[in-house]
Amino acid sequence: MTPFNGLGMSLGKLSRLSHAQTRSISAENPTGTKGGGAQAEPGPRSPARELGKGWKCRPCVTVEAGKTITLADIQGPGAIQSVWCSGSVVSRDFILRVYWDDQSHPSIETPLPDFFAVPWAYGRGTAQGSTPIPMVNSMPVVVAPKSGLNSFWEMPFRGRCHVTLENLHPTQHGDCFYQINYTLTDVPDECAYFHAQFRRVNPTPFGQEYVILDNVRGRGHYVGTSLGVGVHNTGWWGEGEIKFFLDGDGRHPTICGTGTEDYFGGSYNWDVQGQYVTYTTPFLGMHQVLKPDGLYQSQHRHAMYRWHVMDPVRFEKDLRVHIQMLGWRSEGRYLPGMHDVSSVAYWYQTLPSEKFPPLPDRNGLEVI
């Protein structure tokens, strides 16, 4: 029998022993070295200055304005099994990137909060003046009070895993509390590499579909969508269908949904007695609705996720994913919406992968 490698963990496998080695990277052990934790010395103003070394002397790292730091640099083979982070980095000013093996371009590139399905996390110094962080209670992503961002996506790698965090803010630093839990173990040939790509268009052009993902080449499977929609007109906005173009599909997709709220597991506008109803479940949710306040907050904003854990969308050669923005206008006609739409697409695929389109600049990322 082939020895168990400790990957693909679930309740049904928790009793199985393996020779995988558990490691963890944090500010207290930035290399993940065995026996390398709690080595920092307390500073003269540290809360641990009377207790000394080993008493929470370095709980976070600082990302200076305009700088990029390395959160993890791991030599494989192995797999990231969970990630937790928090602090003043929970805004779109902070960009998460992950590089696998010897690729020079990232396979994960997204503003930090968007990776965890919270697109409307306002940064400091914005006109909004607040930071609404909704809870997410799903299997691969959990957002816990107050701003605890958790990922349980399994991310195998064979050669190297390099994780960075960039601060786009021109003057303010950010404090990052984080824990990256991983295992060192053999990685089977059939394991693919995790990818996540952010996009944002504001406003979506009239009559054009919003592109969640394109230019994916290789073999893999699509495992999730998080979506933020800031609605720029009155009335219902979510009639648009999602489309998956697989393996050479041209104008017409192989998979076509029936409506935006349907794709995220709801129905009939999420309307219960004239009110949107939020929900967060293991594999799907519409977990945040920001309502106009009658003064400065003028538009509805929604956050949604759909994890294809039980039903991944498999492709052999290529993949594109679109979604329409559709509402209603007079005489029972569709109205193509011109909204503020952002997304993160999540998928596994073989390497090499294609280089992502450039991220929007700081103004293009800002929640306004």
Protein backbone atom coordinates (compact mmCIF):
# COMPACT_ATOMS: atom_id res chain seq x y z
CA MET A 1 0.00 0.00 0.00
CA THR A 2 1.27 3.50 -0.87
CA PRO A 3 2.14 5.43 2.32
CA PHE A 4 -0.27 8.24 3.19
CA ASN A 5 1.34 11.63 2.47
CA GLY A 6 -0.80 13.76 4.78
CA LEU A 7 -2.50 15.76 2.01
CA GLY A 8 -6.22 15.96 1.21
CA MET A 9 -7.11 15.98 4.90
CA SER A 10 -10.75 15.57 5.94
CA LEU A 11 -12.67 14.21 8.90
CA GLY A 12 -12.46 10.77 7.34
CA LYS A 13 -8.65 10.88 7.19
CA LEU A 14 -7.80 12.48 10.52
CA SER A 15 -6.93 9.16 12.14
CA ARG A 16 -4.41 8.21 9.44
CA LEU A 17 -0.73 8.57 10.32
CA SER A 18 1.85 9.90 7.89
CA HIS A 19 5.49 10.96 7.81
CA ALA A 20 4.57 14.51 6.77
CA GLN A 21 6.26 17.19 8.88
CA THR A 22 4.20 20.05 10.27
CA ARG A 23 5.75 23.52 10.17
CA SER A 24 4.44 27.07 10.68
CA ILE A 25 5.66 30.53 9.76
CA SER A 26 4.76 33.64 11.71
CA ALA A 27 6.43 36.81 12.93
CA GLU A 28 7.70 34.73 15.88
CA ASN A 29 9.27 32.13 13.55
CA PRO A 30 9.70 33.78 10.12
CA THR A 31 11.54 30.82 8.57
CA GLY A 32 9.44 28.01 10.01
CA THR A 33 12.61 26.36 11.30
CA LYS A 34 12.18 23.46 13.71
CA GLY A 35 12.74 24.88 17.20
CA GLY A 36 13.03 28.35 15.73
CA GLY A 37 10.05 30.05 17.35
CA ALA A 38 9.95 32.69 20.09
CA GLN A 39 13.56 33.79 19.53
CA ALA A 40 12.97 37.56 19.37
CA GLU A 41 14.33 39.81 22.12
CA PRO A 42 11.93 42.32 23.71
CA GLY A 43 12.54 45.96 22.88
CA PRO A 44 12.79 48.69 25.52
CA ARG A 45 9.10 49.58 25.04
CA SER A 46 7.84 46.05 24.45
CA PRO A 47 5.02 44.78 26.70
CA ALA A 48 7.36 41.81 27.30
CA ARG A 49 10.28 43.97 28.48
CA GLU A 50 9.93 42.68 32.06
CA LEU A 51 9.28 39.05 31.06
CA GLY A 52 12.03 38.67 28.49
CA LYS A 53 12.63 36.42 25.51
CA GLY A 54 9.91 33.92 24.71
CA TRP A 55 7.00 36.07 25.92
CA LYS A 56 5.33 37.36 22.73
CA CYS A 57 8.12 39.72 21.76
CA ARG A 58 7.39 39.88 17.99
CA PRO A 59 3.71 39.18 17.27
CA CYS A 60 3.60 41.03 13.94
CA VAL A 61 5.67 42.42 11.10
CA THR A 62 5.53 45.93 9.68
CA VAL A 63 5.12 46.66 5.97
CA GLU A 64 6.50 50.12 5.35
CA ALA A 65 4.86 52.51 2.87
CA GLY A 66 5.66 51.57 -0.70
CA LYS A 67 7.54 48.42 0.29
CA THR A 68 7.15 44.68 -0.25
CA ILE A 69 8.08 42.10 2.38
CA THR A 70 8.42 38.32 2.25
CA LEU A 71 5.99 36.53 4.53
CA ALA A 72 7.22 33.03 3.66
CA ASP A 73 9.94 31.40 1.59
CA ILE A 74 9.65 27.62 1.81
CA GLN A 75 11.61 24.91 0.06
CA GLY A 76 9.42 21.97 -0.91
CA PRO A 77 8.00 19.56 -1.59
CA GLY A 78 5.05 20.33 0.63
CA ALA A 79 1.76 22.20 0.87
CA ILE A 80 0.28 25.20 2.62
CA GLN A 81 -2.66 23.89 4.64
CA SER A 82 -4.01 27.01 6.35
CA VAL A 83 -3.37 30.75 6.59
CA TRP A 84 -4.49 33.30 9.20
CA CYS A 85 -3.83 37.02 9.11
CA SER A 86 -5.12 40.28 10.57
CA GLY A 87 -3.97 43.78 11.50
CA SER A 88 -3.96 47.15 9.77
CA VAL A 89 -3.21 45.43 6.45
CA VAL A 90 -6.87 44.48 5.85
CA SER A 91 -7.41 46.90 2.98
CA ARG A 92 -6.85 47.04 -0.76
CA ASP A 93 -3.60 48.92 -0.18
CA PHE A 94 -2.01 45.54 0.60
CA ILE A 95 -1.39 43.07 -2.22
CA LEU A 96 -0.88 39.36 -1.58
CA ARG A 97 1.26 37.43 -4.06
CA VAL A 98 2.29 33.77 -4.08
CA TYR A 99 4.87 32.27 -6.45
CA TRP A 100 5.21 28.52 -7.04
CA ASP A 101 8.44 26.70 -7.87
CA ASP A 102 10.58 28.58 -10.42
CA GLN A 103 7.90 30.80 -12.01
CA SER A 104 8.86 34.47 -12.09
CA HIS A 105 5.23 35.66 -12.09
CA PRO A 106 2.74 35.03 -9.27
CA SER A 107 0.01 32.41 -9.33
CA ILE A 108 -1.91 34.30 -6.62
CA GLU A 109 -2.21 38.08 -6.95
CA THR A 110 -5.02 39.89 -5.20
CA PRO A 111 -5.65 42.61 -2.64
CA LEU A 112 -5.48 40.91 0.74
CA PRO A 113 -9.14 41.27 1.83
CA ASP A 114 -10.47 40.23 -1.59
CA PHE A 115 -8.62 36.91 -1.34
CA PHE A 116 -10.79 36.19 1.72
CA ALA A 117 -14.05 37.23 -0.02
CA VAL A 118 -14.42 40.63 1.69
CA PRO A 119 -14.14 43.15 -1.19
CA TRP A 120 -15.64 46.09 0.68
CA ALA A 121 -12.96 46.34 3.38
CA TYR A 122 -12.18 50.04 3.36
CA GLY A 123 -8.64 51.18 4.02
CA ARG A 124 -7.54 53.93 6.39
CA GLY A 125 -7.91 57.49 5.25
CA THR A 126 -10.75 56.78 2.83
CA ALA A 127 -13.87 58.87 2.36
CA GLN A 128 -15.94 56.04 3.87
CA GLY A 129 -14.24 56.37 7.22
CA SER A 130 -15.08 52.85 8.44
CA THR A 131 -14.05 49.26 7.85
CA PRO A 132 -16.98 46.86 7.57
CA ILE A 133 -15.61 43.31 7.76
CA PRO A 134 -18.45 40.78 7.44
CA MET A 135 -18.27 37.27 8.82
CA VAL A 136 -17.76 34.36 6.42
CA ASN A 137 -18.53 30.84 7.67
CA SER A 138 -17.45 28.60 4.81
CA MET A 139 -15.27 25.51 4.46
CA PRO A 140 -12.20 26.96 2.66
CA VAL A 141 -12.52 30.58 3.86
CA VAL A 142 -13.51 31.92 7.28
CA VAL A 143 -13.64 35.57 8.32
CA ALA A 144 -14.04 35.82 12.08
CA PRO A 145 -14.62 38.83 14.33
CA LYS A 146 -13.13 41.41 14.26
CA SER A 147 -10.96 40.96 11.18
CA GLY A 148 -9.56 37.45 11.37
CA LEU A 149 -8.92 36.27 7.81
CA ASN A 150 -8.57 32.49 7.43
CA SER A 151 -7.89 30.30 4.40
CA PHE A 152 -7.99 26.49 4.32
CA TRP A 153 -7.31 26.05 0.61
CA GLU A 154 -4.73 23.29 0.23
CA MET A 155 -1.82 24.63 -1.84
CA PRO A 156 0.77 21.99 -2.81
CA PHE A 157 4.16 22.86 -4.30
CA ARG A 158 7.16 20.83 -5.35
CA GLY A 159 10.11 23.19 -5.41
CA ARG A 160 9.45 26.47 -3.65
CA CYS A 161 6.66 28.58 -2.16
CA HIS A 162 7.33 32.34 -1.98
CA VAL A 163 4.68 34.58 -0.33
CA THR A 164 4.94 38.39 -0.38
CA LEU A 165 2.85 41.34 0.80
CA GLU A 166 3.14 44.76 -0.85
CA ASN A 167 2.02 48.06 0.69
CA LEU A 168 0.75 50.49 -1.96
CA HIS A 169 0.06 53.32 0.49
CA PRO A 170 2.41 56.26 -0.12
CA THR A 171 2.82 57.31 3.53
CA GLN A 172 1.31 54.80 5.99
CA HIS A 173 2.79 51.51 7.16
CA GLY A 174 0.78 48.41 8.01
CA ASP A 175 1.13 45.91 10.84
CA CYS A 176 0.57 42.32 9.73
CA PHE A 177 -0.23 39.54 12.17
CA TYR A 178 -0.05 36.20 10.36
CA GLN A 179 0.38 32.45 10.60
CA ILE A 180 1.10 30.23 7.58
CA ASN A 181 0.72 26.55 8.48
CA TYR A 182 2.25 24.05 6.08
CA THR A 183 3.52 20.52 5.74
CA LEU A 184 6.67 19.13 4.19
CA THR A 185 5.79 15.93 2.37
CA ASP A 186 5.79 14.17 -0.98
CA VAL A 187 3.39 15.70 -3.51
CA PRO A 188 1.72 13.26 -5.93
CA ASP A 189 1.97 13.87 -9.66
CA GLU A 190 -1.78 14.49 -9.92
CA CYS A 191 -1.71 17.47 -7.51
CA ALA A 192 -2.07 20.81 -9.31
CA TYR A 193 -1.08 24.32 -8.22
CA PHE A 194 -3.50 26.77 -6.58
CA HIS A 195 -4.19 30.06 -8.39
CA ALA A 196 -6.21 33.16 -7.49
CA GLN A 197 -6.67 36.24 -9.68
CA PHE A 198 -8.31 39.58 -8.85
CA ARG A 199 -10.13 41.79 -11.35
CA ARG A 200 -12.09 45.03 -11.04
CA VAL A 201 -14.02 47.13 -13.54
CA ASN A 202 -15.80 50.35 -12.52
CA PRO A 203 -18.11 50.86 -14.29
CA THR A 204 -18.73 47.81 -16.44
CA PRO A 205 -19.22 48.98 -20.05
CA PHE A 206 -22.80 49.03 -21.26
CA GLY A 207 -23.76 45.79 -22.96
CA GLN A 208 -20.49 43.94 -22.22
CA GLU A 209 -20.08 40.88 -20.04
CA TYR A 210 -17.78 41.10 -17.04
CA VAL A 211 -14.77 38.81 -17.43
CA ILE A 212 -13.99 36.96 -14.20
CA LEU A 213 -11.17 34.97 -15.79
CA ASP A 214 -9.60 34.34 -19.19
CA ASN A 215 -6.31 33.30 -20.80
CA VAL A 216 -6.00 30.18 -18.66
CA ARG A 217 -3.95 27.54 -20.44
CA GLY A 218 -3.25 24.05 -19.14
CA ARG A 219 -5.13 21.32 -17.34
CA GLY A 220 -6.98 21.95 -14.11
CA HIS A 221 -10.25 22.70 -12.37
CA TYR A 222 -12.00 25.86 -11.27
CA VAL A 223 -12.88 25.88 -7.57
CA GLY A 224 -14.38 29.24 -6.64
CA THR A 225 -15.62 32.75 -7.27
CA SER A 226 -15.88 35.68 -4.89
CA LEU A 227 -17.74 38.70 -6.26
CA GLY A 228 -18.35 42.26 -5.18
CA VAL A 229 -21.01 44.35 -6.89
CA GLY A 230 -21.60 48.04 -6.25
CA VAL A 231 -24.92 48.82 -7.91
CA HIS A 232 -25.08 52.09 -9.88
CA ASN A 233 -28.80 52.11 -10.69
CA THR A 234 -32.06 51.49 -8.86
CA GLY A 235 -33.97 48.25 -9.06
CA TRP A 236 -32.88 44.63 -9.21
CA TRP A 237 -29.49 44.13 -10.80
CA GLY A 238 -28.72 40.38 -10.71
CA GLU A 239 -30.43 38.74 -13.69
CA GLY A 240 -27.07 38.10 -15.38
CA GLU A 241 -25.92 34.57 -16.17
CA ILE A 242 -22.50 33.12 -15.40
CA LYS A 243 -20.76 31.30 -18.26
CA PHE A 244 -17.89 28.79 -18.30
CA PHE A 245 -16.11 28.43 -21.64
CA LEU A 246 -14.19 25.16 -21.64
CA ASP A 247 -11.54 23.65 -23.91
CA GLY A 248 -11.93 25.61 -27.12
CA ASP A 249 -15.48 26.94 -26.68
CA GLY A 250 -16.03 29.91 -28.96
CA ARG A 251 -18.97 32.28 -28.66
CA HIS A 252 -21.13 29.83 -26.74
CA PRO A 253 -20.19 28.29 -23.35
CA THR A 254 -20.47 24.70 -22.22
CA ILE A 255 -21.90 25.77 -18.83
CA CYS A 256 -24.41 28.60 -18.52
CA GLY A 257 -26.22 29.61 -15.35
CA THR A 258 -29.67 31.13 -14.89
CA GLY A 259 -28.98 34.26 -12.85
CA THR A 260 -26.51 35.84 -10.47
CA GLU A 261 -28.34 35.00 -7.25
CA ASP A 262 -28.97 31.49 -8.56
CA TYR A 263 -25.24 30.86 -9.07
CA PHE A 264 -24.60 31.91 -5.48
CA GLY A 265 -27.29 29.53 -4.24
CA GLY A 266 -30.19 31.94 -3.70
CA SER A 267 -33.30 32.73 -5.71
CA TYR A 268 -35.76 35.48 -6.54
CA ASN A 269 -33.48 38.44 -5.81
CA TRP A 270 -32.75 37.27 -2.24
CA ASP A 271 -35.93 39.23 -1.49
CA VAL A 272 -37.82 38.31 1.68
CA GLN A 273 -40.58 40.80 2.46
CA GLY A 274 -38.83 43.55 0.56
CA GLN A 275 -35.38 43.08 2.13
CA TYR A 276 -32.17 41.44 1.01
CA VAL A 277 -31.34 38.47 3.27
CA THR A 278 -27.68 37.61 3.80
CA TYR A 279 -26.35 34.10 4.45
CA THR A 280 -23.01 32.34 4.76
CA THR A 281 -22.73 28.55 4.36
CA PRO A 282 -19.96 25.98 3.78
CA PHE A 283 -19.88 26.42 -0.01
CA LEU A 284 -21.80 29.57 -0.94
CA GLY A 285 -23.13 32.83 0.41
CA MET A 286 -24.27 36.39 -0.10
CA HIS A 287 -22.79 37.54 3.15
CA GLN A 288 -22.78 41.33 2.98
CA VAL A 289 -25.19 44.07 1.94
CA LEU A 290 -24.15 47.69 2.43
CA LYS A 291 -27.19 49.95 2.18
CA PRO A 292 -27.46 53.64 1.35
CA ASP A 293 -27.48 55.77 4.49
CA GLY A 294 -29.38 58.73 3.04
CA LEU A 295 -26.31 60.97 3.18
CA TYR A 296 -22.90 59.77 1.96
CA GLN A 297 -23.42 56.06 1.25
CA SER A 298 -25.50 56.23 -1.91
CA GLN A 299 -25.42 52.72 -3.38
CA HIS A 300 -26.15 49.13 -2.53
CA ARG A 301 -23.01 46.99 -2.33
CA HIS A 302 -23.02 43.21 -2.18
CA ALA A 303 -20.40 40.53 -1.44
CA MET A 304 -20.87 36.90 -2.55
CA TYR A 305 -18.93 33.66 -2.84
CA ARG A 306 -19.39 30.26 -4.48
CA TRP A 307 -16.87 27.49 -3.77
CA HIS A 308 -16.83 24.59 -6.26
CA VAL A 309 -15.45 22.15 -3.69
CA MET A 310 -18.02 19.44 -4.30
CA ASP A 311 -18.43 20.27 -8.00
CA PRO A 312 -15.17 21.62 -9.50
CA VAL A 313 -15.35 22.79 -13.10
CA ARG A 314 -12.74 20.70 -14.91
CA PHE A 315 -10.87 21.73 -18.04
CA GLU A 316 -8.21 19.99 -20.14
CA LYS A 317 -6.78 22.85 -22.23
CA ASP A 318 -8.23 26.26 -21.46
CA LEU A 319 -10.86 28.17 -19.48
CA ARG A 320 -12.77 31.47 -19.56
CA VAL A 321 -15.41 32.63 -17.06
CA HIS A 322 -17.83 35.52 -17.69
CA ILE A 323 -20.82 36.94 -15.82
CA GLN A 324 -23.44 39.37 -17.10
CA MET A 325 -24.66 42.45 -15.26
CA LEU A 326 -28.40 42.62 -15.97
CA GLY A 327 -31.30 44.47 -14.41
CA TRP A 328 -34.73 45.56 -15.63
CA ARG A 329 -35.98 48.57 -17.49
CA SER A 330 -39.41 49.61 -18.76
CA GLU A 331 -41.71 47.29 -20.70
CA GLY A 332 -40.14 44.13 -19.34
CA ARG A 333 -36.76 44.63 -21.01
CA TYR A 334 -33.32 43.82 -19.63
CA LEU A 335 -31.06 46.69 -18.61
CA PRO A 336 -27.31 46.00 -19.04
CA GLY A 337 -25.82 47.32 -15.82
CA MET A 338 -22.86 49.68 -15.50
CA HIS A 339 -21.68 48.76 -12.01
CA ASP A 340 -18.59 48.59 -9.83
CA VAL A 341 -17.69 44.90 -10.12
CA SER A 342 -14.71 43.12 -8.61
CA SER A 343 -13.90 39.44 -8.36
CA VAL A 344 -11.39 36.82 -7.38
CA ALA A 345 -11.27 33.59 -9.37
CA TYR A 346 -9.80 30.50 -7.68
CA TRP A 347 -8.55 27.45 -9.56
CA TYR A 348 -5.95 24.67 -9.68
CA GLN A 349 -3.87 24.00 -12.77
CA THR A 350 -0.62 22.61 -14.07
CA LEU A 351 2.47 24.77 -14.47
CA PRO A 352 3.59 26.79 -16.31
CA SER A 353 0.62 29.15 -16.06
CA GLU A 354 0.03 32.33 -18.04
CA LYS A 355 1.06 35.69 -16.65
CA PHE A 356 -1.88 37.64 -15.19
CA PRO A 357 -3.08 41.01 -16.55
CA PRO A 358 -1.64 43.95 -14.59
CA LEU A 359 -3.48 44.84 -11.39
CA PRO A 360 -5.26 48.21 -11.39
CA ASP A 361 -3.24 51.02 -9.84
CA ARG A 362 -4.06 52.29 -6.35
CA ASN A 363 -6.81 54.59 -7.63
CA GLY A 364 -8.23 51.73 -9.65
CA LEU A 365 -8.36 49.51 -6.55
CA GLU A 366 -9.82 52.09 -4.17
CA VAL A 367 -13.34 51.56 -2.85
CA ILE A 368 -15.10 54.84 -3.69
